[in-house]
C-alpha atoms as a PDB file:
ATOM      1  CA  MET A   1     -13.871  29.168-105.207  1.00  0.00           C
ATOM      2  CA  ALA A   2     -13.396  26.473-102.592  1.00  0.00           C
ATOM      3  CA  ALA A   3     -11.022  27.262 -99.744  1.00  0.00           C
ATOM      4  CA  ARG A   4      -7.573  25.719-100.025  1.00  0.00           C
ATOM      5  CA  PHE A   5      -7.638  24.745 -96.339  1.00  0.00           C
ATOM      6  CA  ASN A   6     -10.525  23.041 -94.554  1.00  0.00           C
ATOM      7  CA  HIS A   7     -10.390  22.219 -90.856  1.00  0.00           C
ATOM      8  CA  GLN A   8     -12.659  19.223 -91.451  1.00  0.00           C
ATOM      9  CA  ASP A   9     -10.493  17.757 -94.243  1.00  0.00           C
ATOM     10  CA  LYS A  10      -7.103  16.481 -93.068  1.00  0.00           C
ATOM     11  CA  SER A  11      -5.926  16.123 -96.679  1.00  0.00           C
ATOM     12  CA  THR A  12      -5.754  19.936 -96.861  1.00  0.00           C
ATOM     13  CA  TYR A  13      -3.439  20.229 -93.849  1.00  0.00           C
ATOM     14  CA  PRO A  14       0.151  21.310 -94.590  1.00  0.00           C
ATOM     15  CA  SER A  15       2.758  18.665 -93.762  1.00  0.00           C
ATOM     16  CA  VAL A  16       6.545  18.760 -93.827  1.00  0.00           C
ATOM     17  CA  ARG A  17       6.435  15.103 -94.851  1.00  0.00           C
ATOM     18  CA  ASN A  18       5.013  16.125 -98.219  1.00  0.00           C
ATOM     19  CA  LYS A  19       8.207  17.040-100.075  1.00  0.00           C
ATOM     20  CA  ARG A  20       6.158  18.047-103.119  1.00  0.00           C
ATOM     21  CA  GLN A  21       4.016  20.409-101.098  1.00  0.00           C
ATOM     22  CA  PRO A  22       3.589  23.560-103.190  1.00  0.00           C
ATOM     23  CA  ILE A  23       4.528  26.902-101.705  1.00  0.00           C
ATOM     24  CA  PHE A  24       1.793  29.520-101.917  1.00  0.00           C
ATOM     25  CA  PRO A  25       0.721  32.596 -99.935  1.00  0.00           C
ATOM     26  CA  ILE A  26      -1.099  32.112 -96.641  1.00  0.00           C
ATOM     27  CA  ILE A  27      -2.518  35.194 -94.944  1.00  0.00           C
ATOM     28  CA  SER A  28      -3.521  34.680 -91.315  1.00  0.00           C
ATOM     29  CA  PRO A  29      -4.756  37.972 -89.798  1.00  0.00           C
ATOM     30  CA  SER A  30      -4.195  38.296 -86.057  1.00  0.00           C
ATOM     31  CA  LEU A  31      -7.300  38.688 -83.919  1.00  0.00           C
ATOM     32  CA  MET A  32      -5.151  40.366 -81.279  1.00  0.00           C
ATOM     33  CA  VAL A  33      -5.505  43.545 -83.347  1.00  0.00           C
ATOM     34  CA  ALA A  34      -9.190  43.112 -84.221  1.00  0.00           C
ATOM     35  CA  ASP A  35     -12.073  44.770 -82.374  1.00  0.00           C
ATOM     36  CA  GLN A  36     -12.111  42.650 -79.214  1.00  0.00           C
ATOM     37  CA  THR A  37     -15.875  43.064 -78.824  1.00  0.00           C
ATOM     38  CA  LYS A  38     -16.557  41.648 -82.310  1.00  0.00           C
ATOM     39  CA  LEU A  39     -14.156  38.749 -82.844  1.00  0.00           C
ATOM     40  CA  LEU A  40     -16.592  36.614 -84.850  1.00  0.00           C
ATOM     41  CA  GLN A  41     -17.752  39.511 -87.019  1.00  0.00           C
ATOM     42  CA  GLU A  42     -14.152  40.572 -87.617  1.00  0.00           C
ATOM     43  CA  SER A  43     -13.220  37.009 -88.585  1.00  0.00           C
ATOM     44  CA  LEU A  44     -16.145  36.654 -90.971  1.00  0.00           C
ATOM     45  CA  ASN A  45     -15.287  39.976 -92.561  1.00  0.00           C
ATOM     46  CA  VAL A  46     -11.647  39.203 -93.364  1.00  0.00           C
ATOM     47  CA  LEU A  47     -12.569  35.704 -94.560  1.00  0.00           C
ATOM     48  CA  SER A  48     -15.085  37.143 -97.022  1.00  0.00           C
ATOM     49  CA  GLU A  49     -14.167  38.187-100.549  1.00  0.00           C
ATOM     50  CA  ASN A  50     -14.982  41.818 -99.812  1.00  0.00           C
ATOM     51  CA  GLY A  51     -12.839  41.674 -96.674  1.00  0.00           C
ATOM     52  CA  GLY A  52      -9.794  40.226 -98.417  1.00  0.00           C
ATOM     53  CA  SER A  53     -10.288  36.424 -98.439  1.00  0.00           C
ATOM     54  CA  ALA A  54      -7.941  35.547 -95.588  1.00  0.00           C
ATOM     55  CA  ASP A  55      -6.687  31.956 -95.655  1.00  0.00           C
ATOM     56  CA  TRP A  56      -6.493  31.387 -91.894  1.00  0.00           C
ATOM     57  CA  ILE A  57      -7.436  33.220 -88.707  1.00  0.00           C
ATOM     58  CA  HIS A  58      -4.555  33.716 -86.255  1.00  0.00           C
ATOM     59  CA  VAL A  59      -5.364  33.362 -82.554  1.00  0.00           C
ATOM     60  CA  ASP A  60      -2.634  34.338 -80.082  1.00  0.00           C
ATOM     61  CA  ILE A  61      -2.867  32.676 -76.681  1.00  0.00           C
ATOM     62  CA  VAL A  62      -0.614  34.554 -74.231  1.00  0.00           C
ATOM     63  CA  ASP A  63      -0.486  33.313 -70.633  1.00  0.00           C
ATOM     64  CA  GLY A  64       1.180  36.182 -68.766  1.00  0.00           C
ATOM     65  CA  HIS A  65       4.132  33.940 -67.853  1.00  0.00           C
ATOM     66  CA  PHE A  66       6.093  33.221 -71.017  1.00  0.00           C
ATOM     67  CA  ALA A  67       5.277  36.746 -72.202  1.00  0.00           C
ATOM     68  CA  PRO A  68       4.132  39.671 -70.026  1.00  0.00           C
ATOM     69  CA  ASN A  69       0.666  40.006 -71.509  1.00  0.00           C
ATOM     70  CA  PHE A  70      -2.644  38.128 -71.673  1.00  0.00           C
ATOM     71  CA  SER A  71      -4.616  37.217 -74.782  1.00  0.00           C
ATOM     72  CA  PHE A  72      -7.405  34.724 -75.491  1.00  0.00           C
ATOM     73  CA  CYS A  73      -7.959  31.219 -74.129  1.00  0.00           C
ATOM     74  CA  PRO A  74      -9.332  27.804 -75.179  1.00  0.00           C
ATOM     75  CA  ALA A  75     -12.913  29.089 -74.882  1.00  0.00           C
ATOM     76  CA  THR A  76     -12.167  31.733 -77.521  1.00  0.00           C
ATOM     77  CA  VAL A  77     -11.115  29.029 -79.967  1.00  0.00           C
ATOM     78  CA  ALA A  78     -14.067  26.799 -79.081  1.00  0.00           C
ATOM     79  CA  ASP A  79     -16.591  29.593 -79.592  1.00  0.00           C
ATOM     80  CA  LEU A  80     -15.047  30.608 -82.914  1.00  0.00           C
ATOM     81  CA  ARG A  81     -15.094  26.973 -84.025  1.00  0.00           C
ATOM     82  CA  LYS A  82     -18.841  26.709 -83.382  1.00  0.00           C
ATOM     83  CA  HIS A  83     -19.466  29.435 -85.947  1.00  0.00           C
ATOM     84  CA  LEU A  84     -16.520  28.727 -88.281  1.00  0.00           C
ATOM     85  CA  PRO A  85     -16.613  24.929 -88.679  1.00  0.00           C
ATOM     86  CA  ASN A  86     -14.320  24.780 -91.706  1.00  0.00           C
ATOM     87  CA  THR A  87     -11.987  27.731 -91.114  1.00  0.00           C
ATOM     88  CA  PHE A  88      -8.343  27.085 -90.262  1.00  0.00           C
ATOM     89  CA  LEU A  89      -7.824  28.480 -86.772  1.00  0.00           C
ATOM     90  CA  ASP A  90      -4.100  29.160 -86.520  1.00  0.00           C
ATOM     91  CA  CYS A  91      -3.310  28.992 -82.806  1.00  0.00           C
ATOM     92  CA  HIS A  92      -0.044  30.517 -81.583  1.00  0.00           C
ATOM     93  CA  LEU A  93       0.667  29.388 -78.021  1.00  0.00           C
ATOM     94  CA  VAL A  94       2.773  32.052 -76.312  1.00  0.00           C
ATOM     95  CA  VAL A  95       2.748  30.018 -73.123  1.00  0.00           C
ATOM     96  CA  SER A  96       5.019  28.208 -70.693  1.00  0.00           C
ATOM     97  CA  ASP A  97       5.071  24.391 -70.788  1.00  0.00           C
ATOM     98  CA  PRO A  98       3.024  24.115 -74.011  1.00  0.00           C
ATOM     99  CA  ILE A  99       2.645  20.321 -73.909  1.00  0.00           C
ATOM    100  CA  ARG A 100       0.069  20.601 -71.138  1.00  0.00           C
ATOM    101  CA  TRP A 101      -2.231  22.566 -73.471  1.00  0.00           C
ATOM    102  CA  VAL A 102      -2.190  20.287 -76.523  1.00  0.00           C
ATOM    103  CA  ASP A 103      -5.265  18.206 -75.717  1.00  0.00           C
ATOM    104  CA  THR A 104      -7.203  21.248 -74.522  1.00  0.00           C
ATOM    105  CA  PHE A 105      -6.743  23.118 -77.786  1.00  0.00           C
ATOM    106  CA  ALA A 106      -7.391  20.026 -79.879  1.00  0.00           C
ATOM    107  CA  ARG A 107     -10.766  19.677 -78.146  1.00  0.00           C
ATOM    108  CA  ALA A 108     -11.421  23.401 -78.633  1.00  0.00           C
ATOM    109  CA  GLY A 109     -10.960  23.033 -82.385  1.00  0.00           C
ATOM    110  CA  ALA A 110      -7.514  24.435 -83.159  1.00  0.00           C
ATOM    111  CA  SER A 111      -6.187  23.608 -86.626  1.00  0.00           C
ATOM    112  CA  THR A 112      -2.569  24.511 -85.913  1.00  0.00           C
ATOM    113  CA  PHE A 113      -0.749  24.382 -82.592  1.00  0.00           C
ATOM    114  CA  VAL A 114       2.323  26.602 -82.835  1.00  0.00           C
ATOM    115  CA  PHE A 115       4.392  26.649 -79.649  1.00  0.00           C
ATOM    116  CA  HIS A 116       7.629  28.385 -78.723  1.00  0.00           C
ATOM    117  CA  TYR A 117      10.860  26.430 -78.914  1.00  0.00           C
ATOM    118  CA  GLU A 118      12.108  28.441 -75.950  1.00  0.00           C
ATOM    119  CA  ALA A 119       9.147  27.347 -73.786  1.00  0.00           C
ATOM    120  CA  ALA A 120       9.303  23.604 -74.413  1.00  0.00           C
ATOM    121  CA  LYS A 121      11.378  21.190 -72.341  1.00  0.00           C
ATOM    122  CA  ASN A 122      11.103  18.572 -75.095  1.00  0.00           C
ATOM    123  CA  PRO A 123      10.054  20.095 -78.450  1.00  0.00           C
ATOM    124  CA  VAL A 124       9.962  16.704 -80.189  1.00  0.00           C
ATOM    125  CA  ALA A 125       7.500  15.355 -77.620  1.00  0.00           C
ATOM    126  CA  VAL A 126       5.272  18.400 -78.090  1.00  0.00           C
ATOM    127  CA  CYS A 127       5.307  18.076 -81.890  1.00  0.00           C
ATOM    128  CA  ARG A 128       4.410  14.405 -81.715  1.00  0.00           C
ATOM    129  CA  LYS A 129       1.586  14.992 -79.262  1.00  0.00           C
ATOM    130  CA  VAL A 130       0.218  17.802 -81.462  1.00  0.00           C
ATOM    131  CA  ARG A 131       0.105  15.509 -84.485  1.00  0.00           C
ATOM    132  CA  GLU A 132      -1.434  12.677 -82.479  1.00  0.00           C
ATOM    133  CA  ALA A 133      -4.153  15.135 -81.448  1.00  0.00           C
ATOM    134  CA  GLY A 134      -4.892  15.855 -85.121  1.00  0.00           C
ATOM    135  CA  MET A 135      -3.414  19.344 -85.444  1.00  0.00           C
ATOM    136  CA  VAL A 136      -0.657  20.838 -87.593  1.00  0.00           C
ATOM    137  CA  SER A 137       2.555  21.012 -85.550  1.00  0.00           C
ATOM    138  CA  GLY A 138       4.371  24.332 -85.565  1.00  0.00           C
ATOM    139  CA  ILE A 139       7.302  25.861 -83.718  1.00  0.00           C
ATOM    140  CA  ALA A 140       7.838  29.581 -83.158  1.00  0.00           C
ATOM    141  CA  LEU A 141      11.194  31.267 -82.631  1.00  0.00           C
ATOM    142  CA  CYS A 142      11.774  34.442 -80.632  1.00  0.00           C
ATOM    143  CA  PRO A 143      13.939  37.074 -82.373  1.00  0.00           C
ATOM    144  CA  GLU A 144      17.060  36.125 -80.415  1.00  0.00           C
ATOM    145  CA  THR A 145      16.857  32.364 -81.149  1.00  0.00           C
ATOM    146  CA  PRO A 146      18.865  31.166 -84.180  1.00  0.00           C
ATOM    147  CA  ALA A 147      17.204  29.146 -86.918  1.00  0.00           C
ATOM    148  CA  GLU A 148      19.824  26.432 -86.618  1.00  0.00           C
ATOM    149  CA  VAL A 149      18.303  25.040 -83.408  1.00  0.00           C
ATOM    150  CA  LEU A 150      15.411  23.741 -85.499  1.00  0.00           C
ATOM    151  CA  PHE A 151      17.415  21.919 -88.162  1.00  0.00           C
ATOM    152  CA  PRO A 152      17.341  18.530 -86.355  1.00  0.00           C
ATOM    153  CA  LEU A 153      13.566  18.696 -85.878  1.00  0.00           C
ATOM    154  CA  ILE A 154      12.846  19.737 -89.455  1.00  0.00           C
ATOM    155  CA  ASP A 155      15.304  17.196 -90.866  1.00  0.00           C
ATOM    156  CA  ALA A 156      13.505  14.496 -88.867  1.00  0.00           C
ATOM    157  CA  ASP A 157      10.099  15.657 -90.220  1.00  0.00           C
ATOM    158  CA  GLU A 158       8.859  16.396 -86.698  1.00  0.00           C
ATOM    159  CA  VAL A 159       7.420  19.862 -87.379  1.00  0.00           C
ATOM    160  CA  ASP A 160       5.119  21.031 -90.184  1.00  0.00           C
ATOM    161  CA  MET A 161       5.609  24.800 -90.027  1.00  0.00           C
ATOM    162  CA  ILE A 162       7.949  27.373 -88.530  1.00  0.00           C
ATOM    163  CA  LEU A 163       6.862  30.776 -87.245  1.00  0.00           C
ATOM    164  CA  VAL A 164       9.567  33.446 -87.099  1.00  0.00           C
ATOM    165  CA  MET A 165       8.808  36.279 -84.702  1.00  0.00           C
ATOM    166  CA  CYS A 166       9.864  39.630 -86.155  1.00  0.00           C
ATOM    167  CA  VAL A 167       9.100  41.543 -82.938  1.00  0.00           C
ATOM    168  CA  ARG A 168       9.310  40.912 -79.198  1.00  0.00           C
ATOM    169  CA  ILE A 169       6.652  38.388 -78.209  1.00  0.00           C
ATOM    170  CA  GLY A 170       3.356  39.153 -76.547  1.00  0.00           C
ATOM    171  CA  PHE A 171       2.337  42.606 -77.761  1.00  0.00           C
ATOM    172  CA  ALA A 172       0.874  44.023 -80.971  1.00  0.00           C
ATOM    173  CA  GLY A 173       2.120  47.215 -82.625  1.00  0.00           C
ATOM    174  CA  GLN A 174       5.852  46.833 -82.012  1.00  0.00           C
ATOM    175  CA  THR A 175       8.763  47.845 -84.224  1.00  0.00           C
ATOM    176  CA  PHE A 176       9.893  45.365 -86.866  1.00  0.00           C
ATOM    177  CA  LYS A 177      13.297  43.788 -86.151  1.00  0.00           C
ATOM    178  CA  PRO A 178      15.159  43.657 -89.505  1.00  0.00           C
ATOM    179  CA  GLU A 179      17.727  41.182 -88.187  1.00  0.00           C
ATOM    180  CA  THR A 180      15.034  38.478 -88.134  1.00  0.00           C
ATOM    181  CA  VAL A 181      14.859  38.496 -91.935  1.00  0.00           C
ATOM    182  CA  GLU A 182      18.125  36.567 -92.211  1.00  0.00           C
ATOM    183  CA  LYS A 183      16.617  33.776 -90.111  1.00  0.00           C
ATOM    184  CA  ILE A 184      13.822  33.391 -92.663  1.00  0.00           C
ATOM    185  CA  ARG A 185      16.365  33.367 -95.479  1.00  0.00           C
ATOM    186  CA  VAL A 186      18.422  30.622 -93.818  1.00  0.00           C
ATOM    187  CA  LEU A 187      15.343  28.445 -93.347  1.00  0.00           C
ATOM    188  CA  ARG A 188      14.089  28.928 -96.904  1.00  0.00           C
ATOM    189  CA  GLN A 189      17.456  28.173 -98.496  1.00  0.00           C
ATOM    190  CA  ARG A 190      17.731  24.916 -96.583  1.00  0.00           C
ATOM    191  CA  TYR A 191      14.055  23.912 -96.824  1.00  0.00           C
ATOM    192  CA  PRO A 192      12.470  24.945-100.153  1.00  0.00           C
ATOM    193  CA  HIS A 193       9.079  23.345 -99.386  1.00  0.00           C
ATOM    194  CA  LEU A 194       8.724  24.271 -95.720  1.00  0.00           C
ATOM    195  CA  LEU A 195       5.818  26.421 -94.571  1.00  0.00           C
ATOM    196  CA  ILE A 196       7.519  29.497 -93.083  1.00  0.00           C
ATOM    197  CA  GLN A 197       5.373  32.099 -91.338  1.00  0.00           C
ATOM    198  CA  ALA A 198       6.460  35.634 -90.420  1.00  0.00           C
ATOM    199  CA  ASP A 199       4.701  37.269 -87.468  1.00  0.00           C
ATOM    200  CA  GLY A 200       5.076  40.743 -85.993  1.00  0.00           C
ATOM    201  CA  SER A 201       4.744  44.154 -87.637  1.00  0.00           C
ATOM    202  CA  ILE A 202       3.951  42.623 -91.033  1.00  0.00           C
ATOM    203  CA  THR A 203       2.796  45.661 -92.986  1.00  0.00           C
ATOM    204  CA  LEU A 204       2.818  47.000 -96.539  1.00  0.00           C
ATOM    205  CA  GLU A 205       6.207  48.517 -95.653  1.00  0.00           C
ATOM    206  CA  THR A 206       7.805  45.282 -94.381  1.00  0.00           C
ATOM    207  CA  ILE A 207       6.132  42.595 -96.500  1.00  0.00           C
ATOM    208  CA  ASP A 208       8.697  42.698 -99.320  1.00  0.00           C
ATOM    209  CA  ARG A 209      11.531  42.024 -96.883  1.00  0.00           C
ATOM    210  CA  VAL A 210      10.012  38.906 -95.342  1.00  0.00           C
ATOM    211  CA  ALA A 211       8.605  37.649 -98.645  1.00  0.00           C
ATOM    212  CA  ALA A 212      11.937  38.092-100.433  1.00  0.00           C
ATOM    213  CA  ALA A 213      13.645  36.187 -97.623  1.00  0.00           C
ATOM    214  CA  GLY A 214      11.262  33.278 -98.071  1.00  0.00           C
ATOM    215  CA  ALA A 215       8.197  33.650 -95.859  1.00  0.00           C
ATOM    216  CA  ASN A 216       5.145  32.298 -97.657  1.00  0.00           C
ATOM    217  CA  ALA A 217       2.785  32.699 -94.686  1.00  0.00           C
ATOM    218  CA  ILE A 218       2.273  35.952 -92.800  1.00  0.00           C
ATOM    219  CA  VAL A 219       0.414  37.212 -89.742  1.00  0.00           C
ATOM    220  CA  PRO A 220      -0.645  40.798 -90.447  1.00  0.00           C
ATOM    221  CA  GLY A 221      -2.376  42.794 -87.750  1.00  0.00           C
ATOM    222  CA  ARG A 222      -2.845  46.511 -88.249  1.00  0.00           C
ATOM    223  CA  ALA A 223      -2.242  46.124 -91.993  1.00  0.00           C
ATOM    224  CA  VAL A 224      -5.599  44.339 -92.140  1.00  0.00           C
ATOM    225  CA  PHE A 225      -7.729  45.219 -89.133  1.00  0.00           C
ATOM    226  CA  LYS A 226      -6.747  48.896 -88.851  1.00  0.00           C
ATOM    227  CA  THR A 227      -7.057  49.843 -92.512  1.00  0.00           C
ATOM    228  CA  ASP A 228     -10.079  51.334 -94.276  1.00  0.00           C
ATOM    229  CA  ASP A 229      -9.709  48.940 -97.224  1.00  0.00           C
ATOM    230  CA  ARG A 230      -8.931  45.459 -95.969  1.00  0.00           C
ATOM    231  CA  LYS A 231      -9.395  43.820 -99.357  1.00  0.00           C
ATOM    232  CA  THR A 232      -6.857  46.038-101.110  1.00  0.00           C
ATOM    233  CA  SER A 233      -4.375  45.690 -98.273  1.00  0.00           C
ATOM    234  CA  MET A 234      -4.562  41.887 -98.324  1.00  0.00           C
ATOM    235  CA  GLU A 235      -4.314  41.839-102.110  1.00  0.00           C
ATOM    236  CA  LYS A 236      -1.077  43.827-101.906  1.00  0.00           C
ATOM    237  CA  LEU A 237       0.326  41.529 -99.220  1.00  0.00           C
ATOM    238  CA  ARG A 238      -0.584  38.454-101.265  1.00  0.00           C
ATOM    239  CA  ARG A 239       0.899  39.844-104.474  1.00  0.00           C
ATOM    240  CA  SER A 240       4.219  40.488-102.760  1.00  0.00           C
ATOM    241  CA  ILE A 241       4.440  36.881-101.576  1.00  0.00           C
ATOM    242  CA  GLU A 242       3.384  35.573-104.992  1.00  0.00           C
ATOM    243  CA  LYS A 243       6.009  37.724-106.688  1.00  0.00           C
ATOM    244  CA  HIS A 244       8.852  36.422-104.574  1.00  0.00           C
ATOM    245  CA  ILE A 245       7.699  32.803-104.820  1.00  0.00           C
ATOM    246  CA  ALA A 246       7.777  33.193-108.604  1.00  0.00           C
ATOM    247  CA  LEU A 247      11.224  34.808-108.520  1.00  0.00           C
ATOM    248  CA  ARG A 248      12.640  31.937-106.457  1.00  0.00           C
ATOM    249  CA  ALA A 249      11.066  29.382-108.778  1.00  0.00           C
ATOM    250  CA  ALA A 250      12.507  31.135-111.839  1.00  0.00           C
ATOM    251  CA  SER A 251      15.971  31.223-110.292  1.00  0.00           C
ATOM    252  CA  HIS A 252      15.928  27.410-110.040  1.00  0.00           C
ATOM    253  CA  LEU A 253      14.955  26.799-113.679  1.00  0.00           C
END
């Protein structure tokens, strides 16, 4: 079966401007939790049918300033792109002053450029530059930031996807913050066709909460890379999202 998303085909890119854009599950495993000595092999594995058929690959770029950790760089994305020409590389910029990195990551081959609202002096300018560079524009929210700050940007069709952090930024393996679920719910109720991604401690124990609230895209880490059966784990994650998408659709009949 052909992949739903293709980095080389802009017609497959999600866009908030497409009000008829269907909502479906998107699983984007985080390389932060993969074997750091085998990033390409780990990516190929989870993209394969036997590995779970991931939709995207999530690459966290952490600069040590906006969050007290370091993770990956433009060269990581560029090297992955050489070997994964069609794969959607979902780049989450946990960095200060994200606008200065837009062109760099576009050249490296990023498919999405998701930056933090809290780190941008002018979020609209960043979103517009991201789109001009040919990437999907995304904004991430830290747990303490309310969803309402994004309403003007979404209403103006400036941003294509929203990432809701369910843990403190910058580190893998943290405790899920249940209060972030309401933020997802608020966004989904107001924007039925928006791509909403949940990131941080997304496991088989927490997936139903974020999926029921309205997340259709998820960033699992340990639930994929630290399990003995990646395919089964991803199938369970996907089924939960599919179930709640169907329940929401039925409630609007």
